[in-house]
Amino acid sequence: MTYGVDKELRTVMEVPPYLTGLAQRALPRLDFADAFAISLPLEANLDFTHVAIVGWQACPGWVHRAMQIRDALVGRVGLKTGLKTGPMTVKPVEADALINLEGDEMERALRALNPQFSADGDEMLVGMDDMHLDFRVSLLRQRDASATRFTVTTLVQFRNWLGRAYFVPVGIGHKWVVRAMMRALRERLVAECTTDPHDSQGALGFSGGVR
């Protein structure tokens, strides 16, 4: 399969959700699923810890502000916020320190930040359970002869009417947020290839031996 890297490097594509591997076992039931993908040069560093931290560092400011507004609103009704738990807990300054961890320290840090963290080969899974819904995010790497595709699949299971009502506005904003974050991630990873094309250490592995 050829991904057409010249064209796809310029866009974030909506693709069918990835529902095998860790994603297949992520939740007992799926009420919502979508996926977006980007293509990157073969030399791009797609070590999962590197991608997660660089993605958070490159995240547009408006996304951070949107998450802060979301946290301020839902915290009043007892829902979990990114300031306390979940995959969106790492501030940019904290990410700078996290990226220097190795081995068991890195794995412990990732699991402490996200209890739903798991990884297997070319897929990593994070997520959060709450009183209104549970969600998981699958990060998947796939490679052909010309490029590497990086796919983010979001999976949601509603617990009750509150979860369904909550997801009406959030589901709309979700697509904008994921597209913006993946676009910023792509730009940063491509820039790394341009500035240091020979640095592909860990391109298809886990830094620190995370499993």
N, C-alpha and C. Protein backbone atom coordinates (compact mmCIF):
# COMPACT_ATOMS: atom_id res chain seq x y z
N MET A 1 0.85 -1.20 0.00
CA MET A 1 0.00 0.00 0.00
C MET A 1 0.88 1.24 0.00
N THR A 2 0.60 2.18 -0.90
CA THR A 2 1.38 3.41 -0.98
C THR A 2 0.56 4.58 -0.49
N TYR A 3 1.10 5.38 0.38
CA TYR A 3 0.33 6.45 1.00
C TYR A 3 0.40 7.78 0.26
N GLY A 4 1.24 7.89 -0.77
CA GLY A 4 1.33 9.15 -1.50
C GLY A 4 1.83 10.27 -0.61
N VAL A 5 3.06 10.13 -0.10
CA VAL A 5 3.55 11.03 0.94
C VAL A 5 3.57 12.49 0.50
N ASP A 6 3.88 12.78 -0.79
CA ASP A 6 3.96 14.16 -1.22
C ASP A 6 2.64 14.89 -1.01
N LYS A 7 1.52 14.23 -1.30
CA LYS A 7 0.21 14.83 -1.12
C LYS A 7 -0.22 14.79 0.34
N GLU A 8 -0.05 13.65 0.96
CA GLU A 8 -0.61 13.46 2.30
C GLU A 8 0.17 14.19 3.38
N LEU A 9 1.43 14.54 3.12
CA LEU A 9 2.19 15.30 4.12
C LEU A 9 1.58 16.68 4.34
N ARG A 10 0.71 17.10 3.43
CA ARG A 10 0.14 18.44 3.53
C ARG A 10 -1.25 18.44 4.16
N THR A 11 -1.72 17.30 4.65
CA THR A 11 -3.10 17.26 5.12
C THR A 11 -3.28 16.28 6.27
N VAL A 12 -4.37 16.46 7.01
CA VAL A 12 -4.82 15.50 8.01
C VAL A 12 -6.05 14.82 7.43
N MET A 13 -6.00 13.51 7.29
CA MET A 13 -7.06 12.78 6.62
C MET A 13 -7.97 12.09 7.63
N GLU A 14 -9.28 12.17 7.42
CA GLU A 14 -10.21 11.35 8.20
C GLU A 14 -10.26 9.98 7.56
N VAL A 15 -10.06 8.93 8.36
CA VAL A 15 -9.96 7.56 7.85
C VAL A 15 -10.87 6.66 8.69
N PRO A 16 -11.14 5.43 8.23
CA PRO A 16 -11.94 4.50 9.03
C PRO A 16 -11.25 4.23 10.37
N PRO A 17 -12.02 4.14 11.46
CA PRO A 17 -11.42 3.86 12.77
C PRO A 17 -10.65 2.55 12.76
N TYR A 18 -9.54 2.54 13.48
CA TYR A 18 -8.74 1.33 13.64
C TYR A 18 -9.33 0.53 14.79
N LEU A 19 -9.90 -0.63 14.49
CA LEU A 19 -10.63 -1.40 15.50
C LEU A 19 -10.08 -2.80 15.68
N THR A 20 -8.76 -2.95 15.56
CA THR A 20 -8.12 -4.22 15.87
C THR A 20 -7.04 -3.96 16.92
N GLY A 21 -6.29 -4.98 17.28
CA GLY A 21 -5.23 -4.80 18.26
C GLY A 21 -5.76 -4.33 19.60
N LEU A 22 -5.04 -3.40 20.24
CA LEU A 22 -5.45 -2.89 21.54
C LEU A 22 -6.81 -2.18 21.46
N ALA A 23 -7.06 -1.50 20.35
CA ALA A 23 -8.32 -0.77 20.19
C ALA A 23 -9.52 -1.72 20.23
N GLN A 24 -9.35 -2.92 19.71
CA GLN A 24 -10.44 -3.89 19.66
C GLN A 24 -10.89 -4.29 21.07
N ARG A 25 -9.96 -4.31 22.00
CA ARG A 25 -10.26 -4.73 23.37
C ARG A 25 -10.40 -3.56 24.33
N ALA A 26 -10.43 -2.36 23.81
CA ALA A 26 -10.36 -1.17 24.65
C ALA A 26 -11.59 -0.95 25.51
N LEU A 27 -12.79 -1.13 24.94
CA LEU A 27 -14.04 -0.86 25.64
C LEU A 27 -15.04 -1.98 25.35
N PRO A 28 -15.91 -2.28 26.31
CA PRO A 28 -16.92 -3.34 26.08
C PRO A 28 -17.89 -3.00 24.95
N ARG A 29 -18.17 -1.71 24.78
CA ARG A 29 -19.14 -1.28 23.77
C ARG A 29 -18.68 0.03 23.16
N LEU A 30 -18.94 0.23 21.88
CA LEU A 30 -18.57 1.47 21.20
C LEU A 30 -19.82 2.25 20.84
N ASP A 31 -19.93 3.48 21.36
CA ASP A 31 -21.01 4.37 20.98
C ASP A 31 -20.55 5.44 20.00
N PHE A 32 -19.24 5.63 19.93
CA PHE A 32 -18.67 6.60 18.99
C PHE A 32 -17.24 6.18 18.67
N ALA A 33 -16.87 6.34 17.40
CA ALA A 33 -15.49 6.08 16.99
C ALA A 33 -15.18 6.90 15.75
N ASP A 34 -14.01 7.52 15.73
CA ASP A 34 -13.51 8.16 14.52
C ASP A 34 -12.00 8.08 14.51
N ALA A 35 -11.40 8.41 13.37
CA ALA A 35 -9.95 8.31 13.26
C ALA A 35 -9.44 9.32 12.25
N PHE A 36 -8.24 9.83 12.53
CA PHE A 36 -7.56 10.76 11.63
C PHE A 36 -6.12 10.29 11.47
N ALA A 37 -5.54 10.54 10.30
CA ALA A 37 -4.20 10.05 10.01
C ALA A 37 -3.36 11.12 9.32
N ILE A 38 -2.06 11.02 9.54
CA ILE A 38 -1.09 11.84 8.82
C ILE A 38 -0.01 10.92 8.27
N SER A 39 0.62 11.33 7.19
CA SER A 39 1.76 10.60 6.64
C SER A 39 3.02 11.39 6.89
N LEU A 40 4.10 10.67 7.16
CA LEU A 40 5.37 11.30 7.50
C LEU A 40 6.51 10.61 6.77
N PRO A 41 7.63 11.30 6.59
CA PRO A 41 8.79 10.65 5.98
C PRO A 41 9.25 9.45 6.80
N LEU A 42 9.88 8.50 6.13
CA LEU A 42 10.33 7.29 6.82
C LEU A 42 11.29 7.60 7.97
N GLU A 43 12.05 8.70 7.84
CA GLU A 43 13.04 9.02 8.87
C GLU A 43 12.45 9.73 10.07
N ALA A 44 11.16 10.03 10.04
CA ALA A 44 10.53 10.71 11.18
C ALA A 44 10.62 9.86 12.43
N ASN A 45 10.90 10.50 13.56
CA ASN A 45 11.00 9.80 14.84
C ASN A 45 9.60 9.56 15.39
N LEU A 46 9.09 8.31 15.25
CA LEU A 46 7.76 7.98 15.74
C LEU A 46 7.80 7.12 16.99
N ASP A 47 8.88 7.27 17.74
CA ASP A 47 8.88 6.70 19.09
C ASP A 47 7.66 7.28 19.81
N PHE A 48 6.84 6.43 20.41
CA PHE A 48 5.57 6.88 20.98
C PHE A 48 5.73 7.95 22.05
N THR A 49 6.71 7.78 22.92
CA THR A 49 6.89 8.79 23.96
C THR A 49 7.31 10.12 23.34
N HIS A 50 8.15 10.05 22.31
CA HIS A 50 8.56 11.27 21.61
C HIS A 50 7.37 11.94 20.95
N VAL A 51 6.54 11.15 20.27
CA VAL A 51 5.36 11.69 19.59
C VAL A 51 4.40 12.33 20.59
N ALA A 52 4.14 11.64 21.70
CA ALA A 52 3.20 12.16 22.69
C ALA A 52 3.68 13.48 23.27
N ILE A 53 4.95 13.57 23.61
CA ILE A 53 5.48 14.77 24.24
C ILE A 53 5.61 15.91 23.24
N VAL A 54 6.14 15.61 22.05
CA VAL A 54 6.27 16.64 21.02
C VAL A 54 4.89 17.14 20.61
N GLY A 55 3.93 16.22 20.51
CA GLY A 55 2.57 16.62 20.15
C GLY A 55 1.98 17.58 21.16
N TRP A 56 2.23 17.32 22.44
CA TRP A 56 1.71 18.20 23.48
C TRP A 56 2.43 19.55 23.47
N GLN A 57 3.75 19.53 23.23
CA GLN A 57 4.50 20.78 23.17
C GLN A 57 4.06 21.64 21.98
N ALA A 58 3.72 20.98 20.86
CA ALA A 58 3.35 21.69 19.65
C ALA A 58 1.86 22.05 19.60
N CYS A 59 1.10 21.60 20.57
CA CYS A 59 -0.35 21.81 20.57
C CYS A 59 -0.68 23.31 20.49
N PRO A 60 -1.57 23.70 19.57
CA PRO A 60 -1.93 25.12 19.44
C PRO A 60 -2.47 25.70 20.75
N GLY A 61 -2.17 26.97 20.98
CA GLY A 61 -2.60 27.62 22.21
C GLY A 61 -4.10 27.60 22.40
N TRP A 62 -4.86 27.72 21.32
CA TRP A 62 -6.33 27.75 21.46
C TRP A 62 -6.86 26.42 21.96
N VAL A 63 -6.15 25.31 21.67
CA VAL A 63 -6.58 24.01 22.18
C VAL A 63 -6.39 23.95 23.69
N HIS A 64 -5.24 24.45 24.17
CA HIS A 64 -5.01 24.51 25.61
C HIS A 64 -6.08 25.35 26.30
N ARG A 65 -6.41 26.48 25.69
CA ARG A 65 -7.42 27.36 26.30
C ARG A 65 -8.80 26.70 26.29
N ALA A 66 -9.12 25.99 25.22
CA ALA A 66 -10.40 25.28 25.15
C ALA A 66 -10.49 24.21 26.23
N MET A 67 -9.37 23.51 26.48
CA MET A 67 -9.36 22.49 27.53
C MET A 67 -9.53 23.13 28.90
N GLN A 68 -8.94 24.29 29.12
CA GLN A 68 -9.09 24.98 30.39
C GLN A 68 -10.54 25.41 30.62
N ILE A 69 -11.19 25.90 29.57
CA ILE A 69 -12.60 26.28 29.68
C ILE A 69 -13.45 25.06 29.95
N ARG A 70 -13.18 23.98 29.23
CA ARG A 70 -13.92 22.73 29.44
C ARG A 70 -13.78 22.27 30.89
N ASP A 71 -12.54 22.28 31.41
CA ASP A 71 -12.30 21.83 32.78
C ASP A 71 -13.04 22.70 33.80
N ALA A 72 -13.04 24.01 33.56
CA ALA A 72 -13.72 24.92 34.49
C ALA A 72 -15.21 24.66 34.54
N LEU A 73 -15.79 24.29 33.40
CA LEU A 73 -17.24 24.05 33.34
C LEU A 73 -17.62 22.70 33.92
N VAL A 74 -16.96 21.64 33.46
CA VAL A 74 -17.38 20.30 33.88
C VAL A 74 -16.95 19.97 35.30
N GLY A 75 -15.90 20.65 35.79
CA GLY A 75 -15.48 20.41 37.16
C GLY A 75 -16.55 20.76 38.17
N ARG A 76 -17.44 21.68 37.80
CA ARG A 76 -18.51 22.10 38.70
C ARG A 76 -19.58 21.03 38.89
N VAL A 77 -19.67 20.10 37.95
CA VAL A 77 -20.68 19.03 38.08
C VAL A 77 -20.04 17.70 38.44
N GLY A 78 -18.78 17.73 38.84
CA GLY A 78 -18.13 16.54 39.36
C GLY A 78 -17.41 15.67 38.35
N LEU A 79 -17.29 16.13 37.08
CA LEU A 79 -16.57 15.33 36.09
C LEU A 79 -15.07 15.55 36.25
N LYS A 80 -14.31 14.57 35.80
CA LYS A 80 -12.86 14.67 35.91
C LYS A 80 -12.34 15.75 34.95
N THR A 81 -11.25 16.38 35.35
CA THR A 81 -10.65 17.42 34.51
C THR A 81 -9.22 17.05 34.19
N GLY A 82 -8.70 17.63 33.11
CA GLY A 82 -7.33 17.38 32.69
C GLY A 82 -6.31 17.85 33.70
N LEU A 83 -6.72 18.77 34.60
CA LEU A 83 -5.79 19.26 35.61
C LEU A 83 -5.53 18.22 36.68
N LYS A 84 -6.42 17.21 36.78
CA LYS A 84 -6.30 16.23 37.85
C LYS A 84 -5.90 14.85 37.35
N THR A 85 -6.42 14.46 36.19
CA THR A 85 -6.19 13.10 35.72
C THR A 85 -6.38 13.04 34.22
N GLY A 86 -6.04 11.90 33.65
CA GLY A 86 -6.30 11.70 32.23
C GLY A 86 -5.08 11.97 31.36
N PRO A 87 -5.25 11.81 30.04
CA PRO A 87 -4.12 11.91 29.12
C PRO A 87 -3.67 13.33 28.85
N MET A 88 -4.42 14.34 29.29
CA MET A 88 -4.08 15.72 28.96
C MET A 88 -3.51 16.44 30.18
N THR A 89 -2.67 15.74 30.97
CA THR A 89 -2.19 16.32 32.21
C THR A 89 -0.82 16.97 32.11
N VAL A 90 -0.09 16.70 31.04
CA VAL A 90 1.29 17.15 30.97
C VAL A 90 1.36 18.56 30.41
N LYS A 91 1.86 19.49 31.23
CA LYS A 91 2.07 20.85 30.76
C LYS A 91 3.37 20.89 29.94
N PRO A 92 3.50 21.87 29.03
CA PRO A 92 4.71 21.92 28.20
C PRO A 92 6.01 21.90 29.00
N VAL A 93 6.07 22.62 30.11
CA VAL A 93 7.29 22.64 30.90
C VAL A 93 7.55 21.28 31.52
N GLU A 94 6.48 20.54 31.90
CA GLU A 94 6.65 19.21 32.44
C GLU A 94 7.09 18.23 31.37
N ALA A 95 6.62 18.44 30.14
CA ALA A 95 6.99 17.57 29.02
C ALA A 95 8.49 17.63 28.78
N ASP A 96 9.10 18.81 28.94
CA ASP A 96 10.53 18.95 28.73
C ASP A 96 11.31 18.05 29.68
N ALA A 97 10.82 17.89 30.90
CA ALA A 97 11.49 17.02 31.87
C ALA A 97 11.17 15.55 31.59
N LEU A 98 9.93 15.27 31.19
CA LEU A 98 9.51 13.89 30.96
C LEU A 98 10.28 13.25 29.81
N ILE A 99 10.61 14.02 28.79
CA ILE A 99 11.26 13.46 27.60
C ILE A 99 12.66 12.96 27.91
N ASN A 100 13.25 13.38 29.03
CA ASN A 100 14.59 12.96 29.40
C ASN A 100 14.60 11.68 30.24
N LEU A 101 13.42 11.17 30.59
CA LEU A 101 13.36 9.94 31.38
C LEU A 101 13.70 8.74 30.51
N GLU A 102 14.17 7.67 31.13
CA GLU A 102 14.53 6.46 30.40
C GLU A 102 14.04 5.24 31.17
N GLY A 103 13.96 4.12 30.42
CA GLY A 103 13.68 2.83 31.02
C GLY A 103 12.43 2.79 31.87
N ASP A 104 12.56 2.18 33.06
CA ASP A 104 11.42 2.01 33.95
C ASP A 104 10.85 3.34 34.42
N GLU A 105 11.72 4.36 34.53
CA GLU A 105 11.23 5.68 34.95
C GLU A 105 10.21 6.22 33.97
N MET A 106 10.46 6.07 32.68
CA MET A 106 9.53 6.54 31.67
C MET A 106 8.21 5.77 31.75
N GLU A 107 8.29 4.45 31.87
CA GLU A 107 7.07 3.65 31.93
C GLU A 107 6.25 4.00 33.16
N ARG A 108 6.91 4.16 34.31
CA ARG A 108 6.18 4.53 35.53
C ARG A 108 5.53 5.89 35.39
N ALA A 109 6.23 6.83 34.76
CA ALA A 109 5.68 8.18 34.58
C ALA A 109 4.45 8.14 33.68
N LEU A 110 4.52 7.39 32.58
CA LEU A 110 3.39 7.30 31.66
C LEU A 110 2.19 6.65 32.33
N ARG A 111 2.43 5.59 33.09
CA ARG A 111 1.31 4.90 33.76
C ARG A 111 0.73 5.75 34.88
N ALA A 112 1.56 6.54 35.54
CA ALA A 112 1.06 7.43 36.59
C ALA A 112 0.19 8.53 36.00
N LEU A 113 0.60 9.05 34.84
CA LEU A 113 -0.18 10.09 34.18
C LEU A 113 -1.48 9.54 33.61
N ASN A 114 -1.47 8.26 33.21
CA ASN A 114 -2.65 7.69 32.57
C ASN A 114 -2.78 6.22 32.93
N PRO A 115 -3.67 5.89 33.89
CA PRO A 115 -3.83 4.49 34.32
C PRO A 115 -4.26 3.55 33.19
N GLN A 116 -4.87 4.08 32.12
CA GLN A 116 -5.32 3.25 31.01
C GLN A 116 -4.21 3.01 29.98
N PHE A 117 -3.02 3.50 30.26
CA PHE A 117 -1.91 3.37 29.32
C PHE A 117 -1.55 1.90 29.07
N SER A 118 -1.41 1.55 27.78
CA SER A 118 -0.87 0.24 27.40
C SER A 118 -0.22 0.39 26.03
N ALA A 119 0.71 -0.49 25.71
CA ALA A 119 1.40 -0.43 24.43
C ALA A 119 1.76 -1.83 23.97
N ASP A 120 1.69 -2.03 22.66
CA ASP A 120 1.98 -3.33 22.09
C ASP A 120 2.46 -3.13 20.65
N GLY A 121 3.75 -3.33 20.41
CA GLY A 121 4.26 -3.19 19.05
C GLY A 121 4.10 -1.78 18.52
N ASP A 122 3.31 -1.63 17.46
CA ASP A 122 3.14 -0.34 16.81
C ASP A 122 1.87 0.38 17.25
N GLU A 123 1.30 0.00 18.39
CA GLU A 123 0.10 0.68 18.88
C GLU A 123 0.26 1.04 20.35
N MET A 124 -0.20 2.25 20.71
CA MET A 124 -0.26 2.67 22.11
C MET A 124 -1.68 3.13 22.41
N LEU A 125 -2.14 2.84 23.62
CA LEU A 125 -3.50 3.17 24.02
C LEU A 125 -3.49 3.99 25.30
N VAL A 126 -4.24 5.10 25.32
CA VAL A 126 -4.44 5.89 26.53
C VAL A 126 -5.94 6.15 26.67
N GLY A 127 -6.35 6.69 27.80
CA GLY A 127 -7.78 6.96 27.96
C GLY A 127 -8.14 7.33 29.38
N MET A 128 -9.43 7.41 29.63
CA MET A 128 -9.93 7.80 30.94
C MET A 128 -11.35 7.28 31.12
N ASP A 129 -11.68 6.87 32.34
CA ASP A 129 -13.04 6.48 32.71
C ASP A 129 -13.62 7.56 33.62
N ASP A 130 -14.88 7.92 33.39
CA ASP A 130 -15.51 8.94 34.21
C ASP A 130 -16.97 8.54 34.46
N MET A 131 -17.68 9.36 35.22
CA MET A 131 -19.04 9.03 35.59
C MET A 131 -20.02 9.13 34.42
N HIS A 132 -19.67 9.86 33.37
CA HIS A 132 -20.59 10.06 32.25
C HIS A 132 -20.21 9.26 31.00
N LEU A 133 -18.90 9.01 30.82
CA LEU A 133 -18.44 8.21 29.68
C LEU A 133 -17.02 7.72 29.91
N ASP A 134 -16.64 6.73 29.13
CA ASP A 134 -15.27 6.23 29.10
C ASP A 134 -14.74 6.45 27.69
N PHE A 135 -13.47 6.83 27.58
CA PHE A 135 -12.90 6.96 26.24
C PHE A 135 -11.49 6.40 26.19
N ARG A 136 -11.11 5.98 24.99
CA ARG A 136 -9.76 5.52 24.74
C ARG A 136 -9.27 6.17 23.45
N VAL A 137 -7.97 6.39 23.38
CA VAL A 137 -7.35 6.92 22.17
C VAL A 137 -6.23 5.96 21.76
N SER A 138 -6.35 5.42 20.56
CA SER A 138 -5.34 4.51 20.02
C SER A 138 -4.41 5.29 19.09
N LEU A 139 -3.10 5.12 19.31
CA LEU A 139 -2.08 5.71 18.44
C LEU A 139 -1.42 4.57 17.68
N LEU A 140 -1.48 4.60 16.36
CA LEU A 140 -1.01 3.49 15.54
C LEU A 140 -0.01 3.95 14.49
N ARG A 141 1.09 3.17 14.33
CA ARG A 141 2.08 3.42 13.29
C ARG A 141 1.97 2.34 12.23
N GLN A 142 1.96 2.75 10.96
CA GLN A 142 1.99 1.81 9.84
C GLN A 142 2.99 2.34 8.82
N ARG A 143 3.75 1.43 8.20
CA ARG A 143 4.82 1.89 7.30
C ARG A 143 4.77 1.13 5.99
N ASP A 144 5.02 1.85 4.86
CA ASP A 144 5.24 1.19 3.59
C ASP A 144 6.59 1.65 3.06
N ALA A 145 6.84 1.45 1.78
CA ALA A 145 8.17 1.72 1.24
C ALA A 145 8.52 3.21 1.18
N SER A 146 7.52 4.08 1.21
CA SER A 146 7.80 5.49 0.99
C SER A 146 7.47 6.39 2.17
N ALA A 147 6.65 5.92 3.11
CA ALA A 147 6.22 6.80 4.20
C ALA A 147 5.72 5.99 5.38
N THR A 148 5.53 6.69 6.48
CA THR A 148 4.93 6.11 7.67
C THR A 148 3.61 6.82 7.94
N ARG A 149 2.56 6.06 8.15
CA ARG A 149 1.26 6.66 8.49
C ARG A 149 1.07 6.57 10.00
N PHE A 150 0.63 7.67 10.58
CA PHE A 150 0.34 7.73 12.02
C PHE A 150 -1.14 8.02 12.18
N THR A 151 -1.87 7.09 12.81
CA THR A 151 -3.33 7.18 12.92
C THR A 151 -3.76 7.31 14.38
N VAL A 152 -4.64 8.25 14.64
CA VAL A 152 -5.22 8.44 15.97
C VAL A 152 -6.70 8.07 15.91
N THR A 153 -7.09 7.05 16.65
CA THR A 153 -8.48 6.60 16.70
C THR A 153 -9.06 6.91 18.07
N THR A 154 -10.20 7.56 18.10
CA THR A 154 -10.90 7.89 19.35
C THR A 154 -12.10 6.97 19.52
N LEU A 155 -12.21 6.35 20.69
CA LEU A 155 -13.29 5.41 20.99
C LEU A 155 -14.02 5.89 22.24
N VAL A 156 -15.36 5.90 22.20
CA VAL A 156 -16.15 6.41 23.33
C VAL A 156 -17.28 5.44 23.66
N GLN A 157 -17.48 5.23 24.96
CA GLN A 157 -18.63 4.47 25.47
C GLN A 157 -19.38 5.34 26.47
N PHE A 158 -20.65 5.61 26.20
CA PHE A 158 -21.45 6.42 27.11
C PHE A 158 -21.92 5.58 28.28
N ARG A 159 -21.92 6.17 29.46
CA ARG A 159 -22.41 5.48 30.65
C ARG A 159 -23.88 5.78 30.93
N ASN A 160 -24.34 6.96 30.50
CA ASN A 160 -25.69 7.38 30.84
C ASN A 160 -26.11 8.55 29.95
N TRP A 161 -27.26 9.15 30.26
CA TRP A 161 -27.77 10.28 29.46
C TRP A 161 -26.84 11.48 29.53
N LEU A 162 -26.15 11.63 30.68
CA LEU A 162 -25.23 12.76 30.81
C LEU A 162 -24.10 12.66 29.80
N GLY A 163 -23.60 11.45 29.60
CA GLY A 163 -22.54 11.25 28.63
C GLY A 163 -22.99 11.59 27.22
N ARG A 164 -24.20 11.19 26.89
CA ARG A 164 -24.72 11.48 25.55
C ARG A 164 -24.94 12.98 25.37
N ALA A 165 -25.50 13.63 26.39
CA ALA A 165 -25.73 15.07 26.30
C ALA A 165 -24.40 15.83 26.24
N TYR A 166 -23.44 15.41 27.04
CA TYR A 166 -22.12 16.04 27.07
C TYR A 166 -21.45 15.97 25.70
N PHE A 167 -21.63 14.83 25.03
CA PHE A 167 -20.89 14.60 23.79
C PHE A 167 -21.49 15.31 22.59
N VAL A 168 -22.69 15.87 22.72
CA VAL A 168 -23.28 16.60 21.59
C VAL A 168 -22.39 17.79 21.21
N PRO A 169 -22.08 18.71 22.14
CA PRO A 169 -21.17 19.80 21.76
C PRO A 169 -19.72 19.36 21.67
N VAL A 170 -19.30 18.47 22.58
CA VAL A 170 -17.90 18.04 22.61
C VAL A 170 -17.55 17.27 21.34
N GLY A 171 -18.48 16.47 20.83
CA GLY A 171 -18.22 15.70 19.63
C GLY A 171 -17.96 16.59 18.43
N ILE A 172 -18.61 17.74 18.39
CA ILE A 172 -18.38 18.68 17.29
C ILE A 172 -16.99 19.29 17.39
N GLY A 173 -16.65 19.77 18.58
CA GLY A 173 -15.33 20.37 18.78
C GLY A 173 -14.19 19.37 18.69
N HIS A 174 -14.50 18.11 19.02
CA HIS A 174 -13.48 17.05 19.02
C HIS A 174 -12.74 16.97 17.69
N LYS A 175 -13.45 17.00 16.59
CA LYS A 175 -12.82 16.86 15.28
C LYS A 175 -11.87 18.03 14.99
N TRP A 176 -12.29 19.23 15.37
CA TRP A 176 -11.44 20.40 15.17
C TRP A 176 -10.16 20.29 16.00
N VAL A 177 -10.31 19.83 17.25
CA VAL A 177 -9.16 19.72 18.15
C VAL A 177 -8.18 18.67 17.65
N VAL A 178 -8.68 17.49 17.28
CA VAL A 178 -7.79 16.42 16.82
C VAL A 178 -7.07 16.83 15.55
N ARG A 179 -7.79 17.42 14.61
CA ARG A 179 -7.16 17.87 13.37
C ARG A 179 -6.05 18.90 13.65
N ALA A 180 -6.34 19.85 14.53
CA ALA A 180 -5.36 20.89 14.84
C ALA A 180 -4.12 20.31 15.51
N MET A 181 -4.33 19.38 16.45
CA MET A 181 -3.20 18.78 17.16
C MET A 181 -2.35 17.93 16.21
N MET A 182 -3.00 17.18 15.33
CA MET A 182 -2.25 16.33 14.41
C MET A 182 -1.52 17.15 13.36
N ARG A 183 -2.12 18.25 12.94
CA ARG A 183 -1.46 19.13 11.98
C ARG A 183 -0.19 19.73 12.60
N ALA A 184 -0.32 20.17 13.85
CA ALA A 184 0.84 20.74 14.55
C ALA A 184 1.92 19.67 14.78
N LEU A 185 1.48 18.46 15.13
CA LEU A 185 2.43 17.37 15.33
C LEU A 185 3.18 17.06 14.04
N ARG A 186 2.45 16.97 12.93
CA ARG A 186 3.07 16.69 11.64
C ARG A 186 4.13 17.74 11.29
N GLU A 187 3.77 19.01 11.49
CA GLU A 187 4.70 20.09 11.15
C GLU A 187 5.97 19.99 11.98
N ARG A 188 5.81 19.67 13.26
CA ARG A 188 7.00 19.57 14.13
C ARG A 188 7.88 18.38 13.75
N LEU A 189 7.25 17.22 13.47
CA LEU A 189 8.04 16.03 13.14
C LEU A 189 8.72 16.17 11.78
N VAL A 190 8.05 16.79 10.83
CA VAL A 190 8.67 17.03 9.52
C VAL A 190 9.83 18.01 9.67
N ALA A 191 9.66 19.03 10.50
CA ALA A 191 10.73 20.00 10.74
C ALA A 191 11.95 19.32 11.35
N GLU A 192 11.72 18.34 12.24
CA GLU A 192 12.84 17.60 12.83
C GLU A 192 13.62 16.86 11.75
N CYS A 193 12.91 16.29 10.78
CA CYS A 193 13.57 15.57 9.69
C CYS A 193 14.41 16.53 8.85
N THR A 194 13.91 17.73 8.67
CA THR A 194 14.60 18.72 7.85
C THR A 194 15.87 19.22 8.53
N THR A 195 15.79 19.41 9.85
CA THR A 195 16.94 19.96 10.57
C THR A 195 17.98 18.90 10.88
N ASP A 196 17.54 17.64 11.05
CA ASP A 196 18.48 16.57 11.38
C ASP A 196 18.01 15.28 10.72
N PRO A 197 18.18 15.14 9.40
CA PRO A 197 17.64 14.01 8.68
C PRO A 197 18.23 12.67 9.05
N HIS A 198 19.39 12.66 9.73
CA HIS A 198 20.02 11.40 10.09
C HIS A 198 19.60 10.90 11.46
N ASP A 199 18.84 11.72 12.19
CA ASP A 199 18.45 11.33 13.55
C ASP A 199 17.11 10.63 13.51
N SER A 200 17.11 9.32 13.35
CA SER A 200 15.88 8.54 13.33
C SER A 200 15.86 7.52 14.45
N GLN A 201 16.62 7.77 15.52
CA GLN A 201 16.71 6.85 16.64
C GLN A 201 15.35 6.56 17.21
N GLY A 202 15.04 5.28 17.34
CA GLY A 202 13.78 4.88 17.94
C GLY A 202 12.59 5.10 17.05
N ALA A 203 12.78 5.21 15.74
CA ALA A 203 11.69 5.61 14.85
C ALA A 203 10.52 4.68 14.91
N LEU A 204 10.76 3.39 15.13
CA LEU A 204 9.64 2.45 15.22
C LEU A 204 9.72 1.65 16.50
N GLY A 205 10.24 2.25 17.55
CA GLY A 205 10.32 1.55 18.82
C GLY A 205 9.90 2.42 19.95
N PHE A 206 9.96 1.91 21.16
CA PHE A 206 9.61 2.69 22.35
C PHE A 206 10.87 3.14 23.04
N SER A 207 10.99 4.44 23.30
CA SER A 207 12.13 4.90 24.08
C SER A 207 11.99 4.38 25.49
N GLY A 208 13.10 4.02 26.09
CA GLY A 208 13.04 3.54 27.46
C GLY A 208 12.47 2.16 27.59
N GLY A 209 12.24 1.45 26.49
CA GLY A 209 11.76 0.08 26.59
C GLY A 209 10.35 -0.05 27.08
N VAL A 210 9.50 0.94 26.88
CA VAL A 210 8.11 0.85 27.33
C VAL A 210 7.39 -0.22 26.54
N ARG A 211 6.66 -1.08 27.22
CA ARG A 211 5.93 -2.17 26.58
C ARG A 211 4.44 -2.07 26.88
